[in-house]
């Protein structure tokens, strides 16, 4: 269930925010999934990140999501529950 990590993100045209120019990045999609008995964080831009537990995977995904939000990137986070159900988590800037 891996994302294609072959293409690296390319910034889009600059956008002026508060008098400074910022690059607009494509939206970041993150997923926390249990695959072959191992919890991993998946992203379309990076290799899968294995974690020791679901909780650690969620923390790693949220940390990555907040970093992207601080850079002005849109983020989607999907988390698989222990029972296998998938839900979308709300990510708000801190």
C-alpha atoms as a PDB file:
ATOM      1  CA  UNK A   1       0.000   0.000   0.000  1.00  0.00           C
ATOM      2  CA  UNK A   2       2.939   2.303  -0.677  1.00  0.00           C
ATOM      3  CA  UNK A   3       2.683   5.638  -2.421  1.00  0.00           C
ATOM      4  CA  UNK A   4       4.833   6.304  -5.458  1.00  0.00           C
ATOM      5  CA  UNK A   5       7.858   8.091  -4.030  1.00  0.00           C
ATOM      6  CA  UNK A   6       9.627   8.409  -7.384  1.00  0.00           C
ATOM      7  CA  UNK A   7       8.587  11.983  -8.097  1.00  0.00           C
ATOM      8  CA  UNK A   8       9.836  14.652  -5.753  1.00  0.00           C
ATOM      9  CA  UNK A   9       7.559  17.618  -5.115  1.00  0.00           C
ATOM     10  CA  UNK A  10       8.185  20.689  -7.206  1.00  0.00           C
ATOM     11  CA  UNK A  11       7.165  24.079  -5.862  1.00  0.00           C
ATOM     12  CA  UNK A  12       4.532  25.917  -7.796  1.00  0.00           C
ATOM     13  CA  UNK A  13       4.623  29.595  -8.685  1.00  0.00           C
ATOM     14  CA  UNK A  14       5.572  31.977  -5.858  1.00  0.00           C
ATOM     15  CA  UNK A  15       2.807  33.507  -3.769  1.00  0.00           C
ATOM     16  CA  UNK A  16       3.144  36.742  -1.794  1.00  0.00           C
ATOM     17  CA  UNK A  17       2.156  36.350   1.869  1.00  0.00           C
ATOM     18  CA  UNK A  18       2.671  39.205   4.319  1.00  0.00           C
ATOM     19  CA  UNK A  19       5.061  41.007   1.966  1.00  0.00           C
ATOM     20  CA  UNK A  20       7.276  37.968   1.394  1.00  0.00           C
ATOM     21  CA  UNK A  21       7.149  35.430  -1.381  1.00  0.00           C
ATOM     22  CA  UNK A  22       6.334  31.825  -0.498  1.00  0.00           C
ATOM     23  CA  UNK A  23       6.387  28.838  -2.790  1.00  0.00           C
ATOM     24  CA  UNK A  24       3.189  26.815  -3.022  1.00  0.00           C
ATOM     25  CA  UNK A  25       3.768  23.081  -2.708  1.00  0.00           C
ATOM     26  CA  UNK A  26       1.371  20.372  -3.821  1.00  0.00           C
ATOM     27  CA  UNK A  27      -0.812  18.979  -1.013  1.00  0.00           C
ATOM     28  CA  UNK A  28       0.860  16.407   1.231  1.00  0.00           C
ATOM     29  CA  UNK A  29      -1.002  13.155   1.865  1.00  0.00           C
ATOM     30  CA  UNK A  30       0.110  11.076   4.836  1.00  0.00           C
ATOM     31  CA  UNK A  31      -1.183   7.683   5.884  1.00  0.00           C
ATOM     32  CA  UNK A  32      -0.639   5.527   8.963  1.00  0.00           C
ATOM     33  CA  UNK A  33      -1.246   1.897   8.049  1.00  0.00           C
ATOM     34  CA  UNK A  34      -0.503  -1.555   9.406  1.00  0.00           C
ATOM     35  CA  UNK A  35       1.144  -3.529   6.632  1.00  0.00           C
ATOM     36  CA  UNK A  36       2.436  -7.066   7.232  1.00  0.00           C
ATOM     37  CA  UNK A  37       2.124  -6.592  10.997  1.00  0.00           C
ATOM     38  CA  UNK A  38       4.184  -3.384  11.056  1.00  0.00           C
ATOM     39  CA  UNK A  39       2.880   0.166  11.507  1.00  0.00           C
ATOM     40  CA  UNK A  40       4.250   2.573   8.909  1.00  0.00           C
ATOM     41  CA  UNK A  41       3.827   6.193   7.873  1.00  0.00           C
ATOM     42  CA  UNK A  42       3.356   6.564   4.124  1.00  0.00           C
ATOM     43  CA  UNK A  43       3.794   9.719   2.063  1.00  0.00           C
ATOM     44  CA  UNK A  44       3.755  10.336  -1.653  1.00  0.00           C
ATOM     45  CA  UNK A  45       7.061  12.215  -1.383  1.00  0.00           C
ATOM     46  CA  UNK A  46       9.144  10.047   0.988  1.00  0.00           C
ATOM     47  CA  UNK A  47       9.859   6.360   1.595  1.00  0.00           C
ATOM     48  CA  UNK A  48       7.639   4.537   4.099  1.00  0.00           C
ATOM     49  CA  UNK A  49       8.705   5.113   7.707  1.00  0.00           C
ATOM     50  CA  UNK A  50       8.417   1.976   9.889  1.00  0.00           C
ATOM     51  CA  UNK A  51       7.442   2.568  13.525  1.00  0.00           C
ATOM     52  CA  UNK A  52       7.431   0.337  16.617  1.00  0.00           C
ATOM     53  CA  UNK A  53       3.735   0.956  17.354  1.00  0.00           C
ATOM     54  CA  UNK A  54       0.606   2.612  15.999  1.00  0.00           C
ATOM     55  CA  UNK A  55       0.936   5.429  18.543  1.00  0.00           C
ATOM     56  CA  UNK A  56       4.504   6.171  17.441  1.00  0.00           C
ATOM     57  CA  UNK A  57       3.423   6.136  13.792  1.00  0.00           C
ATOM     58  CA  UNK A  58       0.619   8.612  14.503  1.00  0.00           C
ATOM     59  CA  UNK A  59       3.011  10.947  16.349  1.00  0.00           C
ATOM     60  CA  UNK A  60       5.527  10.748  13.485  1.00  0.00           C
ATOM     61  CA  UNK A  61       2.812  11.493  10.910  1.00  0.00           C
ATOM     62  CA  UNK A  62       1.410  14.404  12.928  1.00  0.00           C
ATOM     63  CA  UNK A  63       4.913  15.851  13.384  1.00  0.00           C
ATOM     64  CA  UNK A  64       5.487  15.704   9.619  1.00  0.00           C
ATOM     65  CA  UNK A  65       2.042  17.196   8.990  1.00  0.00           C
ATOM     66  CA  UNK A  66       2.648  20.149  11.315  1.00  0.00           C
ATOM     67  CA  UNK A  67       6.018  20.842   9.646  1.00  0.00           C
ATOM     68  CA  UNK A  68       4.304  20.987   6.265  1.00  0.00           C
ATOM     69  CA  UNK A  69       1.529  23.229   7.600  1.00  0.00           C
ATOM     70  CA  UNK A  70       4.085  25.691   8.978  1.00  0.00           C
ATOM     71  CA  UNK A  71       5.531  25.926   5.442  1.00  0.00           C
ATOM     72  CA  UNK A  72       2.098  26.714   4.030  1.00  0.00           C
ATOM     73  CA  UNK A  73       1.489  23.282   2.522  1.00  0.00           C
ATOM     74  CA  UNK A  74      -1.956  21.670   2.621  1.00  0.00           C
ATOM     75  CA  UNK A  75      -2.042  18.302   4.416  1.00  0.00           C
ATOM     76  CA  UNK A  76      -4.325  15.270   4.482  1.00  0.00           C
ATOM     77  CA  UNK A  77      -3.785  12.613   7.157  1.00  0.00           C
ATOM     78  CA  UNK A  78      -5.388   9.169   7.036  1.00  0.00           C
ATOM     79  CA  UNK A  79      -5.052   6.786   9.981  1.00  0.00           C
ATOM     80  CA  UNK A  80      -5.968   3.121  10.140  1.00  0.00           C
ATOM     81  CA  UNK A  81      -7.579   2.093  13.432  1.00  0.00           C
ATOM     82  CA  UNK A  82      -6.554  -1.027  15.318  1.00  0.00           C
ATOM     83  CA  UNK A  83      -9.647  -2.782  13.913  1.00  0.00           C
ATOM     84  CA  UNK A  84      -8.649  -1.940  10.325  1.00  0.00           C
ATOM     85  CA  UNK A  85     -11.038   0.953   9.683  1.00  0.00           C
ATOM     86  CA  UNK A  86      -9.639   3.986   7.913  1.00  0.00           C
ATOM     87  CA  UNK A  87     -10.433   7.528   8.998  1.00  0.00           C
ATOM     88  CA  UNK A  88      -9.253  10.971   8.030  1.00  0.00           C
ATOM     89  CA  UNK A  89      -7.718  12.943  10.876  1.00  0.00           C
ATOM     90  CA  UNK A  90      -8.176  16.669  11.174  1.00  0.00           C
ATOM     91  CA  UNK A  91      -4.926  18.600  11.094  1.00  0.00           C
ATOM     92  CA  UNK A  92      -5.002  22.214  12.241  1.00  0.00           C
ATOM     93  CA  UNK A  93      -2.047  24.600  12.451  1.00  0.00           C
ATOM     94  CA  UNK A  94      -0.507  24.882  15.903  1.00  0.00           C
END
